[in-house]
Amino acid sequence: MASEAFFEAPSDLRELRPELFSLLHDFYRVDPAEWLDGDRQDESI
């Protein structure tokens, strides 16, 4: 479940469980929150 939250709701996980987010970020070596944040910025243009 933690991996699923990491990829499907990364911003929420980062806000609610920063230690877990950091652990998964180090394990997978990606930050899916950046993918979603980037999409939001593109939509506002």
N, C-alpha and C. Protein backbone atom coordinates (compact mmCIF):
# COMPACT_ATOMS: atom_id res chain seq x y z
N MET A 1 0.81 -1.19 0.00
CA MET A 1 0.00 0.00 0.00
C MET A 1 0.86 1.27 0.00
N ALA A 2 1.99 1.23 0.67
CA ALA A 2 2.83 2.43 0.72
C ALA A 2 3.37 2.78 -0.66
N SER A 3 3.79 1.76 -1.41
CA SER A 3 4.30 2.02 -2.76
C SER A 3 3.20 2.57 -3.65
N GLU A 4 2.02 2.05 -3.50
CA GLU A 4 0.88 2.53 -4.30
C GLU A 4 0.61 4.00 -3.99
N ALA A 5 0.58 4.36 -2.73
CA ALA A 5 0.37 5.76 -2.35
C ALA A 5 1.50 6.64 -2.85
N PHE A 6 2.71 6.12 -2.83
CA PHE A 6 3.86 6.87 -3.29
C PHE A 6 3.70 7.28 -4.75
N PHE A 7 3.18 6.37 -5.57
CA PHE A 7 3.03 6.67 -6.99
C PHE A 7 1.69 7.30 -7.36
N GLU A 8 0.64 7.00 -6.61
CA GLU A 8 -0.68 7.50 -6.99
C GLU A 8 -1.10 8.78 -6.26
N ALA A 9 -0.54 9.02 -5.09
CA ALA A 9 -0.87 10.23 -4.34
C ALA A 9 0.39 10.75 -3.64
N PRO A 10 1.43 11.01 -4.40
CA PRO A 10 2.72 11.35 -3.79
C PRO A 10 2.70 12.64 -2.97
N SER A 11 1.96 13.63 -3.42
CA SER A 11 1.92 14.90 -2.67
C SER A 11 1.28 14.70 -1.30
N ASP A 12 0.22 13.90 -1.27
CA ASP A 12 -0.43 13.62 0.01
C ASP A 12 0.49 12.84 0.93
N LEU A 13 1.15 11.83 0.38
CA LEU A 13 2.07 11.03 1.19
C LEU A 13 3.21 11.89 1.71
N ARG A 14 3.75 12.76 0.86
CA ARG A 14 4.85 13.64 1.28
C ARG A 14 4.41 14.56 2.41
N GLU A 15 3.18 15.03 2.35
CA GLU A 15 2.68 15.93 3.39
C GLU A 15 2.34 15.20 4.68
N LEU A 16 1.68 14.03 4.56
CA LEU A 16 1.20 13.32 5.74
C LEU A 16 2.23 12.41 6.39
N ARG A 17 3.13 11.83 5.59
CA ARG A 17 4.13 10.90 6.11
C ARG A 17 5.48 11.19 5.47
N PRO A 18 6.10 12.33 5.79
CA PRO A 18 7.34 12.72 5.13
C PRO A 18 8.48 11.71 5.28
N GLU A 19 8.54 11.02 6.42
CA GLU A 19 9.60 10.04 6.62
C GLU A 19 9.44 8.87 5.66
N LEU A 20 8.21 8.40 5.49
CA LEU A 20 7.94 7.30 4.58
C LEU A 20 8.18 7.72 3.14
N PHE A 21 7.74 8.93 2.79
CA PHE A 21 7.97 9.45 1.44
C PHE A 21 9.47 9.48 1.15
N SER A 22 10.26 9.96 2.08
CA SER A 22 11.70 10.05 1.90
C SER A 22 12.32 8.66 1.72
N LEU A 23 11.88 7.71 2.50
CA LEU A 23 12.38 6.35 2.39
C LEU A 23 12.08 5.76 1.01
N LEU A 24 10.85 5.93 0.54
CA LEU A 24 10.48 5.41 -0.78
C LEU A 24 11.17 6.19 -1.90
N HIS A 25 11.36 7.47 -1.70
CA HIS A 25 12.08 8.29 -2.68
C HIS A 25 13.51 7.77 -2.84
N ASP A 26 14.15 7.48 -1.75
CA ASP A 26 15.52 6.95 -1.80
C ASP A 26 15.55 5.54 -2.42
N PHE A 27 14.54 4.74 -2.12
CA PHE A 27 14.49 3.38 -2.64
C PHE A 27 14.27 3.36 -4.15
N TYR A 28 13.26 4.08 -4.63
CA TYR A 28 12.92 4.07 -6.06
C TYR A 28 13.76 5.07 -6.87
N ARG A 29 14.38 6.01 -6.20
CA ARG A 29 15.19 7.05 -6.85
C ARG A 29 14.41 7.88 -7.87
N VAL A 30 13.15 8.12 -7.53
CA VAL A 30 12.29 9.00 -8.32
C VAL A 30 11.42 9.80 -7.36
N ASP A 31 10.87 10.91 -7.87
CA ASP A 31 9.93 11.71 -7.09
C ASP A 31 8.68 11.92 -7.93
N PRO A 32 7.68 11.03 -7.79
CA PRO A 32 6.48 11.15 -8.60
C PRO A 32 5.69 12.43 -8.32
N ALA A 33 5.93 13.07 -7.19
CA ALA A 33 5.27 14.35 -6.92
C ALA A 33 5.71 15.40 -7.93
N GLU A 34 6.94 15.32 -8.39
CA GLU A 34 7.42 16.26 -9.40
C GLU A 34 6.70 16.04 -10.73
N TRP A 35 6.39 14.80 -11.05
CA TRP A 35 5.67 14.52 -12.29
C TRP A 35 4.31 15.19 -12.26
N LEU A 36 3.63 15.05 -11.14
CA LEU A 36 2.28 15.62 -11.02
C LEU A 36 2.33 17.13 -10.92
N ASP A 37 3.28 17.67 -10.18
CA ASP A 37 3.41 19.12 -10.06
C ASP A 37 3.71 19.74 -11.42
N GLY A 38 4.52 19.07 -12.22
CA GLY A 38 4.84 19.55 -13.56
C GLY A 38 3.62 19.57 -14.46
N ASP A 39 2.76 18.55 -14.33
CA ASP A 39 1.54 18.49 -15.13
C ASP A 39 0.62 19.65 -14.79
N ARG A 40 0.53 19.97 -13.53
CA ARG A 40 -0.35 21.06 -13.11
C ARG A 40 0.13 22.39 -13.65
N GLN A 41 1.44 22.59 -13.68
CA GLN A 41 1.98 23.84 -14.21
C GLN A 41 1.73 23.94 -15.69
N ASP A 42 1.83 22.84 -16.42
CA ASP A 42 1.59 22.86 -17.86
C ASP A 42 0.15 23.19 -18.20
N GLU A 43 -0.79 22.71 -17.37
CA GLU A 43 -2.21 22.95 -17.62
C GLU A 43 -2.59 24.39 -17.45
N SER A 44 -1.86 25.13 -16.60
CA SER A 44 -2.24 26.51 -16.32
C SER A 44 -1.74 27.47 -17.39
N ILE A 45 -0.92 26.99 -18.30
CA ILE A 45 -0.36 27.86 -19.35
C ILE A 45 -1.37 28.06 -20.45
